[in-house]
């Protein structure tokens, strides 16, 4: 079959396409992928305030702790504000005593004290607000725009990952035998799920630990201000790296199905897997507790991959014996 493909229908294993047909199919799928990414990017850019707030949340807690401690220029400003609040509280107490029962003040003085008391109460409420500094700073005139576009694009890629993988699988599927296709489909389907789990793990565990480590490292010697572009690049790199690291079971199943190594040999070399997981966790910033929290899931993913590979090998062995 040499007709030019204009739809996204998957080609069966029996169909024959010319070189032009394959190129046309590839072009069609690439256009579809770009269109889906564009729609997802538009949605993410529309919701960029929520996305930026979501990315800022791991930074906010740590930054506010430093501001409360008086570190950096924001901390110094907050310390001055707290001193002003203490003065306002004391003045409010003095005004209350002067305007209290038994005071011999003229009506005009009482009105003046009442006005001063209202102003002091308003200033105390304003100065009692929690510390700011939960948002990174921008230095360039175009940095807010470029940073927003970058974050929107990263989230768009994450949202469209299942569709992109499906298109890649549909394009490569005709080259596979039906049995190979059945084996590959669950593997491909698990990639987006593991990626999302890895991103969530990075967001709730790795990123806060990394921010805590870097924000407190020798912070007494620096006026720490977090630049938006660098922080978002670091956060995106961390989340994407954890998403790819959680593909360990898929990688293990892939290499065992390809015959590069057996599940039995992987089980025999578990100690090297523990060492590798520990080394990966050690590269990521954090303390001893974070190191343990990162090592354990990585090793569990290794065990899950070995278990799945073992089950598949046993199934293949059982089929081979039944056929003989």
C-alpha atoms as a PDB file:
ATOM      1  CA  UNK A   1       0.000   0.000   0.000  1.00  0.00           C
ATOM      2  CA  UNK A   2       1.597   3.226  -1.175  1.00  0.00           C
ATOM      3  CA  UNK A   3      -1.193   5.715  -0.563  1.00  0.00           C
ATOM      4  CA  UNK A   4      -0.283   8.909   1.251  1.00  0.00           C
ATOM      5  CA  UNK A   5      -1.441   8.796   4.846  1.00  0.00           C
ATOM      6  CA  UNK A   6      -3.428  11.806   6.009  1.00  0.00           C
ATOM      7  CA  UNK A   7      -4.916  10.426   9.223  1.00  0.00           C
ATOM      8  CA  UNK A   8      -3.538   9.337  12.567  1.00  0.00           C
ATOM      9  CA  UNK A   9      -4.805   5.794  12.153  1.00  0.00           C
ATOM     10  CA  UNK A  10      -2.209   3.255  13.235  1.00  0.00           C
ATOM     11  CA  UNK A  11      -0.729   1.168  10.427  1.00  0.00           C
ATOM     12  CA  UNK A  12      -1.205  -2.567  10.806  1.00  0.00           C
ATOM     13  CA  UNK A  13       1.707  -4.975  10.640  1.00  0.00           C
ATOM     14  CA  UNK A  14       0.520  -6.339   7.289  1.00  0.00           C
ATOM     15  CA  UNK A  15       0.273  -2.981   5.517  1.00  0.00           C
ATOM     16  CA  UNK A  16       3.077  -1.909   3.220  1.00  0.00           C
ATOM     17  CA  UNK A  17       3.997   1.764   2.965  1.00  0.00           C
ATOM     18  CA  UNK A  18       6.450   3.406   0.607  1.00  0.00           C
ATOM     19  CA  UNK A  19       9.166   5.727   1.816  1.00  0.00           C
ATOM     20  CA  UNK A  20       6.981   8.680   0.914  1.00  0.00           C
ATOM     21  CA  UNK A  21       4.123   7.106   2.846  1.00  0.00           C
ATOM     22  CA  UNK A  22       6.246   6.710   5.970  1.00  0.00           C
ATOM     23  CA  UNK A  23       7.496  10.285   5.700  1.00  0.00           C
ATOM     24  CA  UNK A  24       3.946  11.543   5.241  1.00  0.00           C
ATOM     25  CA  UNK A  25       2.793   9.568   8.269  1.00  0.00           C
ATOM     26  CA  UNK A  26       5.693  10.980  10.307  1.00  0.00           C
ATOM     27  CA  UNK A  27       4.850  14.517   9.149  1.00  0.00           C
ATOM     28  CA  UNK A  28       1.193  14.059  10.064  1.00  0.00           C
ATOM     29  CA  UNK A  29       2.016  12.781  13.540  1.00  0.00           C
ATOM     30  CA  UNK A  30       4.554  15.560  14.142  1.00  0.00           C
ATOM     31  CA  UNK A  31       1.971  18.171  13.139  1.00  0.00           C
ATOM     32  CA  UNK A  32      -0.544  16.577  15.501  1.00  0.00           C
ATOM     33  CA  UNK A  33       2.015  16.582  18.329  1.00  0.00           C
ATOM     34  CA  UNK A  34       2.871  20.230  17.725  1.00  0.00           C
ATOM     35  CA  UNK A  35      -0.821  21.146  17.642  1.00  0.00           C
ATOM     36  CA  UNK A  36      -1.504  19.375  20.945  1.00  0.00           C
ATOM     37  CA  UNK A  37       1.560  20.999  22.527  1.00  0.00           C
ATOM     38  CA  UNK A  38       0.390  24.407  21.283  1.00  0.00           C
ATOM     39  CA  UNK A  39      -3.068  23.907  22.818  1.00  0.00           C
ATOM     40  CA  UNK A  40      -1.550  22.714  26.103  1.00  0.00           C
ATOM     41  CA  UNK A  41       0.874  25.645  26.079  1.00  0.00           C
ATOM     42  CA  UNK A  42      -1.993  28.073  25.569  1.00  0.00           C
ATOM     43  CA  UNK A  43      -3.867  26.549  28.495  1.00  0.00           C
ATOM     44  CA  UNK A  44      -0.771  26.635  30.735  1.00  0.00           C
ATOM     45  CA  UNK A  45       0.017  30.209  29.746  1.00  0.00           C
ATOM     46  CA  UNK A  46      -3.584  31.147  30.566  1.00  0.00           C
ATOM     47  CA  UNK A  47      -3.170  29.534  34.001  1.00  0.00           C
ATOM     48  CA  UNK A  48       0.412  30.760  34.481  1.00  0.00           C
ATOM     49  CA  UNK A  49      -0.370  32.475  37.810  1.00  0.00           C
ATOM     50  CA  UNK A  50      -1.458  29.191  39.354  1.00  0.00           C
ATOM     51  CA  UNK A  51       1.519  27.341  37.870  1.00  0.00           C
ATOM     52  CA  UNK A  52       3.995  29.916  39.150  1.00  0.00           C
ATOM     53  CA  UNK A  53       2.360  29.844  42.571  1.00  0.00           C
ATOM     54  CA  UNK A  54       2.657  26.053  42.526  1.00  0.00           C
ATOM     55  CA  UNK A  55       6.372  26.193  41.703  1.00  0.00           C
ATOM     56  CA  UNK A  56       6.966  28.983  44.246  1.00  0.00           C
ATOM     57  CA  UNK A  57       5.448  27.006  47.124  1.00  0.00           C
ATOM     58  CA  UNK A  58       8.594  24.966  47.996  1.00  0.00           C
ATOM     59  CA  UNK A  59      10.581  28.217  47.951  1.00  0.00           C
ATOM     60  CA  UNK A  60       8.083  30.216  50.009  1.00  0.00           C
ATOM     61  CA  UNK A  61       8.368  28.233  53.248  1.00  0.00           C
ATOM     62  CA  UNK A  62      12.166  28.282  53.300  1.00  0.00           C
ATOM     63  CA  UNK A  63      12.448  31.937  52.264  1.00  0.00           C
ATOM     64  CA  UNK A  64       9.995  33.060  54.926  1.00  0.00           C
ATOM     65  CA  UNK A  65      12.015  31.229  57.567  1.00  0.00           C
ATOM     66  CA  UNK A  66      15.112  33.172  56.530  1.00  0.00           C
ATOM     67  CA  UNK A  67      13.178  36.438  56.499  1.00  0.00           C
ATOM     68  CA  UNK A  68      11.904  35.775  60.036  1.00  0.00           C
ATOM     69  CA  UNK A  69      15.488  35.108  61.112  1.00  0.00           C
ATOM     70  CA  UNK A  70      16.543  38.499  59.707  1.00  0.00           C
ATOM     71  CA  UNK A  71      18.803  37.116  56.965  1.00  0.00           C
ATOM     72  CA  UNK A  72      19.373  39.058  53.773  1.00  0.00           C
ATOM     73  CA  UNK A  73      17.881  42.389  52.693  1.00  0.00           C
ATOM     74  CA  UNK A  74      14.317  41.112  53.018  1.00  0.00           C
ATOM     75  CA  UNK A  75      15.101  39.871  56.514  1.00  0.00           C
ATOM     76  CA  UNK A  76      16.571  43.232  57.473  1.00  0.00           C
ATOM     77  CA  UNK A  77      13.454  44.999  56.200  1.00  0.00           C
ATOM     78  CA  UNK A  78      11.253  42.573  58.115  1.00  0.00           C
ATOM     79  CA  UNK A  79      13.307  43.143  61.306  1.00  0.00           C
ATOM     80  CA  UNK A  80      12.832  46.911  60.979  1.00  0.00           C
ATOM     81  CA  UNK A  81       9.101  46.351  60.500  1.00  0.00           C
ATOM     82  CA  UNK A  82       8.905  44.193  63.619  1.00  0.00           C
ATOM     83  CA  UNK A  83      10.738  46.857  65.634  1.00  0.00           C
ATOM     84  CA  UNK A  84       8.253  49.448  64.377  1.00  0.00           C
ATOM     85  CA  UNK A  85       5.420  47.109  65.353  1.00  0.00           C
ATOM     86  CA  UNK A  86       6.810  46.811  68.897  1.00  0.00           C
ATOM     87  CA  UNK A  87       6.954  50.600  69.177  1.00  0.00           C
ATOM     88  CA  UNK A  88       3.376  50.867  67.871  1.00  0.00           C
ATOM     89  CA  UNK A  89       2.184  48.289  70.425  1.00  0.00           C
ATOM     90  CA  UNK A  90       3.826  50.211  73.255  1.00  0.00           C
ATOM     91  CA  UNK A  91       2.358  53.514  72.067  1.00  0.00           C
ATOM     92  CA  UNK A  92      -1.050  51.860  71.807  1.00  0.00           C
ATOM     93  CA  UNK A  93      -0.694  50.757  75.422  1.00  0.00           C
ATOM     94  CA  UNK A  94       0.276  54.283  76.485  1.00  0.00           C
ATOM     95  CA  UNK A  95      -2.695  55.773  74.651  1.00  0.00           C
ATOM     96  CA  UNK A  96      -4.978  53.265  76.349  1.00  0.00           C
ATOM     97  CA  UNK A  97      -3.643  54.299  79.768  1.00  0.00           C
ATOM     98  CA  UNK A  98      -4.009  58.025  79.032  1.00  0.00           C
ATOM     99  CA  UNK A  99      -7.547  57.556  77.751  1.00  0.00           C
ATOM    100  CA  UNK A 100      -8.536  55.143  80.495  1.00  0.00           C
ATOM    101  CA  UNK A 101     -11.051  55.582  83.313  1.00  0.00           C
ATOM    102  CA  UNK A 102     -10.205  58.404  85.698  1.00  0.00           C
ATOM    103  CA  UNK A 103      -8.184  60.391  83.209  1.00  0.00           C
ATOM    104  CA  UNK A 104      -8.815  64.156  83.287  1.00  0.00           C
ATOM    105  CA  UNK A 105      -8.671  64.982  79.597  1.00  0.00           C
ATOM    106  CA  UNK A 106     -10.605  67.532  77.673  1.00  0.00           C
ATOM    107  CA  UNK A 107     -13.024  66.349  74.974  1.00  0.00           C
ATOM    108  CA  UNK A 108     -10.619  67.571  72.304  1.00  0.00           C
ATOM    109  CA  UNK A 109      -7.738  65.563  73.784  1.00  0.00           C
ATOM    110  CA  UNK A 110      -9.932  62.453  73.950  1.00  0.00           C
ATOM    111  CA  UNK A 111     -10.823  62.834  70.268  1.00  0.00           C
ATOM    112  CA  UNK A 112      -7.137  63.202  69.389  1.00  0.00           C
ATOM    113  CA  UNK A 113      -6.210  60.124  71.451  1.00  0.00           C
ATOM    114  CA  UNK A 114      -9.052  58.145  69.844  1.00  0.00           C
ATOM    115  CA  UNK A 115      -7.758  59.039  66.395  1.00  0.00           C
ATOM    116  CA  UNK A 116      -4.202  58.095  67.390  1.00  0.00           C
ATOM    117  CA  UNK A 117      -5.451  54.778  68.803  1.00  0.00           C
ATOM    118  CA  UNK A 118      -7.222  53.889  65.542  1.00  0.00           C
ATOM    119  CA  UNK A 119      -4.132  54.738  63.522  1.00  0.00           C
ATOM    120  CA  UNK A 120      -1.909  52.686  65.826  1.00  0.00           C
ATOM    121  CA  UNK A 121      -4.261  49.700  65.649  1.00  0.00           C
ATOM    122  CA  UNK A 122      -4.215  49.911  61.835  1.00  0.00           C
ATOM    123  CA  UNK A 123      -0.414  50.108  61.794  1.00  0.00           C
ATOM    124  CA  UNK A 124      -0.120  47.148  64.187  1.00  0.00           C
ATOM    125  CA  UNK A 125      -2.390  45.034  61.971  1.00  0.00           C
ATOM    126  CA  UNK A 126      -0.356  45.994  58.903  1.00  0.00           C
ATOM    127  CA  UNK A 127       2.987  45.261  60.562  1.00  0.00           C
ATOM    128  CA  UNK A 128       1.688  41.933  61.925  1.00  0.00           C
ATOM    129  CA  UNK A 129       1.388  40.484  58.409  1.00  0.00           C
ATOM    130  CA  UNK A 130       3.537  37.389  57.708  1.00  0.00           C
ATOM    131  CA  UNK A 131       6.918  38.020  56.071  1.00  0.00           C
ATOM    132  CA  UNK A 132       7.075  38.443  52.347  1.00  0.00           C
ATOM    133  CA  UNK A 133       9.748  37.058  50.087  1.00  0.00           C
ATOM    134  CA  UNK A 134       7.827  34.007  48.895  1.00  0.00           C
ATOM    135  CA  UNK A 135       8.413  34.972  45.271  1.00  0.00           C
ATOM    136  CA  UNK A 136      11.726  35.031  43.403  1.00  0.00           C
ATOM    137  CA  UNK A 137      13.054  38.297  42.034  1.00  0.00           C
ATOM    138  CA  UNK A 138      13.575  39.309  38.417  1.00  0.00           C
ATOM    139  CA  UNK A 139      16.493  41.427  37.254  1.00  0.00           C
ATOM    140  CA  UNK A 140      15.841  41.932  33.549  1.00  0.00           C
ATOM    141  CA  UNK A 141      13.013  43.885  31.957  1.00  0.00           C
ATOM    142  CA  UNK A 142      11.879  40.875  29.931  1.00  0.00           C
ATOM    143  CA  UNK A 143      12.596  38.186  32.512  1.00  0.00           C
ATOM    144  CA  UNK A 144       9.011  37.933  33.879  1.00  0.00           C
ATOM    145  CA  UNK A 145       7.729  37.217  30.357  1.00  0.00           C
ATOM    146  CA  UNK A 146      10.451  34.761  29.320  1.00  0.00           C
ATOM    147  CA  UNK A 147      10.254  32.935  32.643  1.00  0.00           C
ATOM    148  CA  UNK A 148       6.475  32.608  32.386  1.00  0.00           C
ATOM    149  CA  UNK A 149       6.772  31.265  28.841  1.00  0.00           C
ATOM    150  CA  UNK A 150       9.401  28.715  29.910  1.00  0.00           C
ATOM    151  CA  UNK A 151       7.340  27.407  32.834  1.00  0.00           C
ATOM    152  CA  UNK A 152       4.220  27.208  30.653  1.00  0.00           C
ATOM    153  CA  UNK A 153       6.133  25.217  28.045  1.00  0.00           C
ATOM    154  CA  UNK A 154       7.541  22.767  30.616  1.00  0.00           C
ATOM    155  CA  UNK A 155       4.089  22.096  32.038  1.00  0.00           C
ATOM    156  CA  UNK A 156       2.704  21.748  28.518  1.00  0.00           C
ATOM    157  CA  UNK A 157       5.247  19.017  27.789  1.00  0.00           C
ATOM    158  CA  UNK A 158       4.322  17.214  30.996  1.00  0.00           C
ATOM    159  CA  UNK A 159       0.604  17.376  30.171  1.00  0.00           C
ATOM    160  CA  UNK A 160       1.065  16.163  26.582  1.00  0.00           C
ATOM    161  CA  UNK A 161       3.527  13.371  27.389  1.00  0.00           C
ATOM    162  CA  UNK A 162       0.908  10.566  27.118  1.00  0.00           C
ATOM    163  CA  UNK A 163      -0.181  11.767  23.673  1.00  0.00           C
ATOM    164  CA  UNK A 164       3.412  12.166  22.464  1.00  0.00           C
ATOM    165  CA  UNK A 165       4.281   8.641  23.619  1.00  0.00           C
ATOM    166  CA  UNK A 166       1.171   7.257  21.952  1.00  0.00           C
ATOM    167  CA  UNK A 167       2.129   8.862  18.652  1.00  0.00           C
ATOM    168  CA  UNK A 168       5.688   7.505  18.881  1.00  0.00           C
ATOM    169  CA  UNK A 169       4.334   4.048  19.683  1.00  0.00           C
ATOM    170  CA  UNK A 170       1.799   4.182  16.829  1.00  0.00           C
ATOM    171  CA  UNK A 171       4.525   5.180  14.362  1.00  0.00           C
ATOM    172  CA  UNK A 172       6.885   2.376  15.421  1.00  0.00           C
ATOM    173  CA  UNK A 173       4.174  -0.246  15.982  1.00  0.00           C
ATOM    174  CA  UNK A 174       3.975  -1.539  12.369  1.00  0.00           C
ATOM    175  CA  UNK A 175       7.572  -2.770  12.604  1.00  0.00           C
ATOM    176  CA  UNK A 176       6.669  -5.051  15.529  1.00  0.00           C
ATOM    177  CA  UNK A 177       5.145  -8.485  15.515  1.00  0.00           C
ATOM    178  CA  UNK A 178       1.701  -8.762  17.158  1.00  0.00           C
ATOM    179  CA  UNK A 179       3.205 -10.604  20.151  1.00  0.00           C
ATOM    180  CA  UNK A 180       5.934  -7.970  20.547  1.00  0.00           C
ATOM    181  CA  UNK A 181       3.252  -5.292  20.298  1.00  0.00           C
ATOM    182  CA  UNK A 182       1.260  -6.825  23.133  1.00  0.00           C
ATOM    183  CA  UNK A 183       4.385  -6.940  25.298  1.00  0.00           C
ATOM    184  CA  UNK A 184       5.396  -3.379  24.490  1.00  0.00           C
ATOM    185  CA  UNK A 185       2.018  -1.716  25.035  1.00  0.00           C
ATOM    186  CA  UNK A 186       1.912  -2.085  28.860  1.00  0.00           C
ATOM    187  CA  UNK A 187       5.524  -0.911  28.999  1.00  0.00           C
ATOM    188  CA  UNK A 188       4.779   2.243  27.026  1.00  0.00           C
ATOM    189  CA  UNK A 189       1.545   2.857  28.952  1.00  0.00           C
ATOM    190  CA  UNK A 190       3.414   2.780  32.277  1.00  0.00           C
ATOM    191  CA  UNK A 191       5.877   5.510  31.254  1.00  0.00           C
ATOM    192  CA  UNK A 192       3.503   8.497  31.759  1.00  0.00           C
ATOM    193  CA  UNK A 193       2.264   7.104  35.081  1.00  0.00           C
ATOM    194  CA  UNK A 194       5.796   6.614  36.418  1.00  0.00           C
ATOM    195  CA  UNK A 195       6.825  10.009  35.082  1.00  0.00           C
ATOM    196  CA  UNK A 196       3.985  11.772  36.920  1.00  0.00           C
ATOM    197  CA  UNK A 197       4.785   9.858  40.130  1.00  0.00           C
ATOM    198  CA  UNK A 198       8.430  10.883  39.793  1.00  0.00           C
ATOM    199  CA  UNK A 199       7.510  14.527  39.256  1.00  0.00           C
ATOM    200  CA  UNK A 200       5.249  14.466  42.336  1.00  0.00           C
ATOM    201  CA  UNK A 201       8.016  12.809  44.370  1.00  0.00           C
ATOM    202  CA  UNK A 202      10.442  15.492  43.222  1.00  0.00           C
ATOM    203  CA  UNK A 203       7.988  18.266  44.043  1.00  0.00           C
ATOM    204  CA  UNK A 204       7.086  17.119  47.557  1.00  0.00           C
ATOM    205  CA  UNK A 205      10.395  15.528  48.663  1.00  0.00           C
ATOM    206  CA  UNK A 206      13.414  16.463  46.549  1.00  0.00           C
ATOM    207  CA  UNK A 207      12.729  20.093  45.632  1.00  0.00           C
ATOM    208  CA  UNK A 208      11.951  21.317  49.195  1.00  0.00           C
ATOM    209  CA  UNK A 209      15.063  19.538  50.473  1.00  0.00           C
ATOM    210  CA  UNK A 210      17.184  21.046  47.704  1.00  0.00           C
ATOM    211  CA  UNK A 211      15.833  24.553  48.363  1.00  0.00           C
ATOM    212  CA  UNK A 212      16.437  24.137  52.106  1.00  0.00           C
ATOM    213  CA  UNK A 213      20.017  22.992  51.494  1.00  0.00           C
ATOM    214  CA  UNK A 214      21.001  25.724  49.063  1.00  0.00           C
ATOM    215  CA  UNK A 215      19.191  28.530  50.874  1.00  0.00           C
ATOM    216  CA  UNK A 216      20.906  27.724  54.179  1.00  0.00           C
ATOM    217  CA  UNK A 217      24.360  26.902  52.837  1.00  0.00           C
ATOM    218  CA  UNK A 218      26.680  29.605  54.200  1.00  0.00           C
ATOM    219  CA  UNK A 219      23.723  31.998  54.180  1.00  0.00           C
ATOM    220  CA  UNK A 220      25.248  34.167  56.917  1.00  0.00           C
ATOM    221  CA  UNK A 221      27.926  35.297  54.450  1.00  0.00           C
ATOM    222  CA  UNK A 222      25.548  36.348  51.661  1.00  0.00           C
ATOM    223  CA  UNK A 223      22.492  38.494  51.070  1.00  0.00           C
ATOM    224  CA  UNK A 224      20.410  35.753  49.519  1.00  0.00           C
ATOM    225  CA  UNK A 225      17.935  36.783  46.826  1.00  0.00           C
ATOM    226  CA  UNK A 226      16.557  34.035  44.595  1.00  0.00           C
ATOM    227  CA  UNK A 227      16.485  34.976  40.915  1.00  0.00           C
ATOM    228  CA  UNK A 228      13.362  33.787  39.122  1.00  0.00           C
ATOM    229  CA  UNK A 229      15.014  32.453  35.958  1.00  0.00           C
ATOM    230  CA  UNK A 230      17.610  30.397  37.801  1.00  0.00           C
ATOM    231  CA  UNK A 231      15.148  29.061  40.374  1.00  0.00           C
ATOM    232  CA  UNK A 232      12.584  27.951  37.802  1.00  0.00           C
ATOM    233  CA  UNK A 233      15.286  26.364  35.673  1.00  0.00           C
ATOM    234  CA  UNK A 234      16.566  24.489  38.728  1.00  0.00           C
ATOM    235  CA  UNK A 235      13.042  23.427  39.742  1.00  0.00           C
ATOM    236  CA  UNK A 236      12.173  22.234  36.231  1.00  0.00           C
ATOM    237  CA  UNK A 237      15.451  20.316  35.937  1.00  0.00           C
ATOM    238  CA  UNK A 238      14.890  18.655  39.317  1.00  0.00           C
ATOM    239  CA  UNK A 239      11.299  17.633  38.556  1.00  0.00           C
ATOM    240  CA  UNK A 240      12.107  16.348  35.063  1.00  0.00           C
ATOM    241  CA  UNK A 241      15.139  14.436  36.367  1.00  0.00           C
ATOM    242  CA  UNK A 242      12.999  12.697  39.002  1.00  0.00           C
ATOM    243  CA  UNK A 243      10.390  11.914  36.364  1.00  0.00           C
ATOM    244  CA  UNK A 244      13.026  10.185  34.229  1.00  0.00           C
ATOM    245  CA  UNK A 245      14.639   8.444  37.214  1.00  0.00           C
ATOM    246  CA  UNK A 246      11.302   6.818  37.991  1.00  0.00           C
ATOM    247  CA  UNK A 247      11.523   5.044  34.641  1.00  0.00           C
ATOM    248  CA  UNK A 248      13.878   2.497  36.246  1.00  0.00           C
ATOM    249  CA  UNK A 249      11.314  -0.379  36.068  1.00  0.00           C
ATOM    250  CA  UNK A 250      10.679   0.355  32.398  1.00  0.00           C
ATOM    251  CA  UNK A 251      14.424   0.373  31.677  1.00  0.00           C
ATOM    252  CA  UNK A 252      14.938  -2.911  33.541  1.00  0.00           C
ATOM    253  CA  UNK A 253      12.101  -4.632  31.702  1.00  0.00           C
ATOM    254  CA  UNK A 254      13.383  -3.245  28.389  1.00  0.00           C
ATOM    255  CA  UNK A 255      16.962  -4.500  28.811  1.00  0.00           C
ATOM    256  CA  UNK A 256      15.824  -7.919  30.055  1.00  0.00           C
ATOM    257  CA  UNK A 257      13.360  -8.334  27.192  1.00  0.00           C
ATOM    258  CA  UNK A 258      16.111  -7.343  24.782  1.00  0.00           C
ATOM    259  CA  UNK A 259      18.285 -10.131  26.195  1.00  0.00           C
ATOM    260  CA  UNK A 260      21.067  -7.819  27.371  1.00  0.00           C
ATOM    261  CA  UNK A 261      20.863  -9.105  30.941  1.00  0.00           C
ATOM    262  CA  UNK A 262      18.686 -11.547  32.883  1.00  0.00           C
ATOM    263  CA  UNK A 263      16.516 -10.869  35.896  1.00  0.00           C
ATOM    264  CA  UNK A 264      18.415 -13.579  37.787  1.00  0.00           C
ATOM    265  CA  UNK A 265      21.685 -11.749  37.288  1.00  0.00           C
ATOM    266  CA  UNK A 266      20.113  -8.482  38.419  1.00  0.00           C
ATOM    267  CA  UNK A 267      18.903 -10.163  41.617  1.00  0.00           C
ATOM    268  CA  UNK A 268      22.379 -11.503  42.287  1.00  0.00           C
ATOM    269  CA  UNK A 269      23.830  -7.994  41.993  1.00  0.00           C
ATOM    270  CA  UNK A 270      21.392  -6.197  44.279  1.00  0.00           C
ATOM    271  CA  UNK A 271      24.225  -4.693  46.316  1.00  0.00           C
ATOM    272  CA  UNK A 272      25.369  -2.737  43.295  1.00  0.00           C
ATOM    273  CA  UNK A 273      21.826  -1.499  42.791  1.00  0.00           C
ATOM    274  CA  UNK A 274      21.691  -0.275  46.394  1.00  0.00           C
ATOM    275  CA  UNK A 275      25.020   1.486  45.892  1.00  0.00           C
ATOM    276  CA  UNK A 276      23.838   3.085  42.643  1.00  0.00           C
ATOM    277  CA  UNK A 277      20.599   4.309  44.257  1.00  0.00           C
ATOM    278  CA  UNK A 278      22.577   5.730  47.154  1.00  0.00           C
ATOM    279  CA  UNK A 279      24.966   7.512  44.802  1.00  0.00           C
ATOM    280  CA  UNK A 280      22.091   9.034  42.830  1.00  0.00           C
ATOM    281  CA  UNK A 281      20.441  10.206  46.053  1.00  0.00           C
ATOM    282  CA  UNK A 282      23.762  11.595  47.313  1.00  0.00           C
ATOM    283  CA  UNK A 283      24.137  13.706  44.179  1.00  0.00           C
ATOM    284  CA  UNK A 284      20.774  15.318  44.918  1.00  0.00           C
ATOM    285  CA  UNK A 285      20.988  18.035  47.606  1.00  0.00           C
ATOM    286  CA  UNK A 286      19.646  17.364  51.071  1.00  0.00           C
ATOM    287  CA  UNK A 287      20.440  16.028  54.520  1.00  0.00           C
ATOM    288  CA  UNK A 288      20.720  12.465  55.823  1.00  0.00           C
ATOM    289  CA  UNK A 289      16.964  12.065  56.203  1.00  0.00           C
ATOM    290  CA  UNK A 290      16.368  13.258  52.652  1.00  0.00           C
ATOM    291  CA  UNK A 291      19.084  10.913  51.417  1.00  0.00           C
ATOM    292  CA  UNK A 292      17.181   7.979  52.941  1.00  0.00           C
ATOM    293  CA  UNK A 293      13.841   9.211  51.568  1.00  0.00           C
ATOM    294  CA  UNK A 294      15.338   9.373  48.072  1.00  0.00           C
ATOM    295  CA  UNK A 295      17.281   6.107  48.196  1.00  0.00           C
ATOM    296  CA  UNK A 296      14.428   3.893  49.366  1.00  0.00           C
ATOM    297  CA  UNK A 297      11.976   4.706  46.521  1.00  0.00           C
ATOM    298  CA  UNK A 298      14.709   4.322  43.897  1.00  0.00           C
ATOM    299  CA  UNK A 299      15.632   0.908  45.247  1.00  0.00           C
ATOM    300  CA  UNK A 300      11.976  -0.120  45.430  1.00  0.00           C
ATOM    301  CA  UNK A 301      11.616   0.846  41.773  1.00  0.00           C
ATOM    302  CA  UNK A 302      14.584  -1.387  40.989  1.00  0.00           C
ATOM    303  CA  UNK A 303      12.960  -4.288  42.819  1.00  0.00           C
ATOM    304  CA  UNK A 304       9.661  -3.700  41.033  1.00  0.00           C
ATOM    305  CA  UNK A 305      11.443  -3.776  37.683  1.00  0.00           C
ATOM    306  CA  UNK A 306      13.289  -6.991  38.558  1.00  0.00           C
ATOM    307  CA  UNK A 307      10.051  -8.598  39.765  1.00  0.00           C
ATOM    308  CA  UNK A 308       8.207  -7.750  36.547  1.00  0.00           C
ATOM    309  CA  UNK A 309      11.151  -8.972  34.464  1.00  0.00           C
ATOM    310  CA  UNK A 310      11.225 -12.239  36.438  1.00  0.00           C
ATOM    311  CA  UNK A 311       7.502 -12.809  35.923  1.00  0.00           C
ATOM    312  CA  UNK A 312       7.835 -12.202  32.198  1.00  0.00           C
ATOM    313  CA  UNK A 313      10.778 -14.605  31.947  1.00  0.00           C
ATOM    314  CA  UNK A 314       8.846 -17.293  33.828  1.00  0.00           C
ATOM    315  CA  UNK A 315       5.870 -16.810  31.542  1.00  0.00           C
ATOM    316  CA  UNK A 316       8.070 -17.147  28.460  1.00  0.00           C
ATOM    317  CA  UNK A 317       9.674 -20.289  29.891  1.00  0.00           C
ATOM    318  CA  UNK A 318       6.263 -21.802  30.627  1.00  0.00           C
ATOM    319  CA  UNK A 319       5.074 -21.061  27.087  1.00  0.00           C
ATOM    320  CA  UNK A 320       8.206 -22.586  25.619  1.00  0.00           C
ATOM    321  CA  UNK A 321       7.722 -25.798  27.661  1.00  0.00           C
ATOM    322  CA  UNK A 322       4.058 -26.029  26.699  1.00  0.00           C
ATOM    323  CA  UNK A 323       4.901 -25.695  23.021  1.00  0.00           C
ATOM    324  CA  UNK A 324       7.525 -28.420  23.264  1.00  0.00           C
END
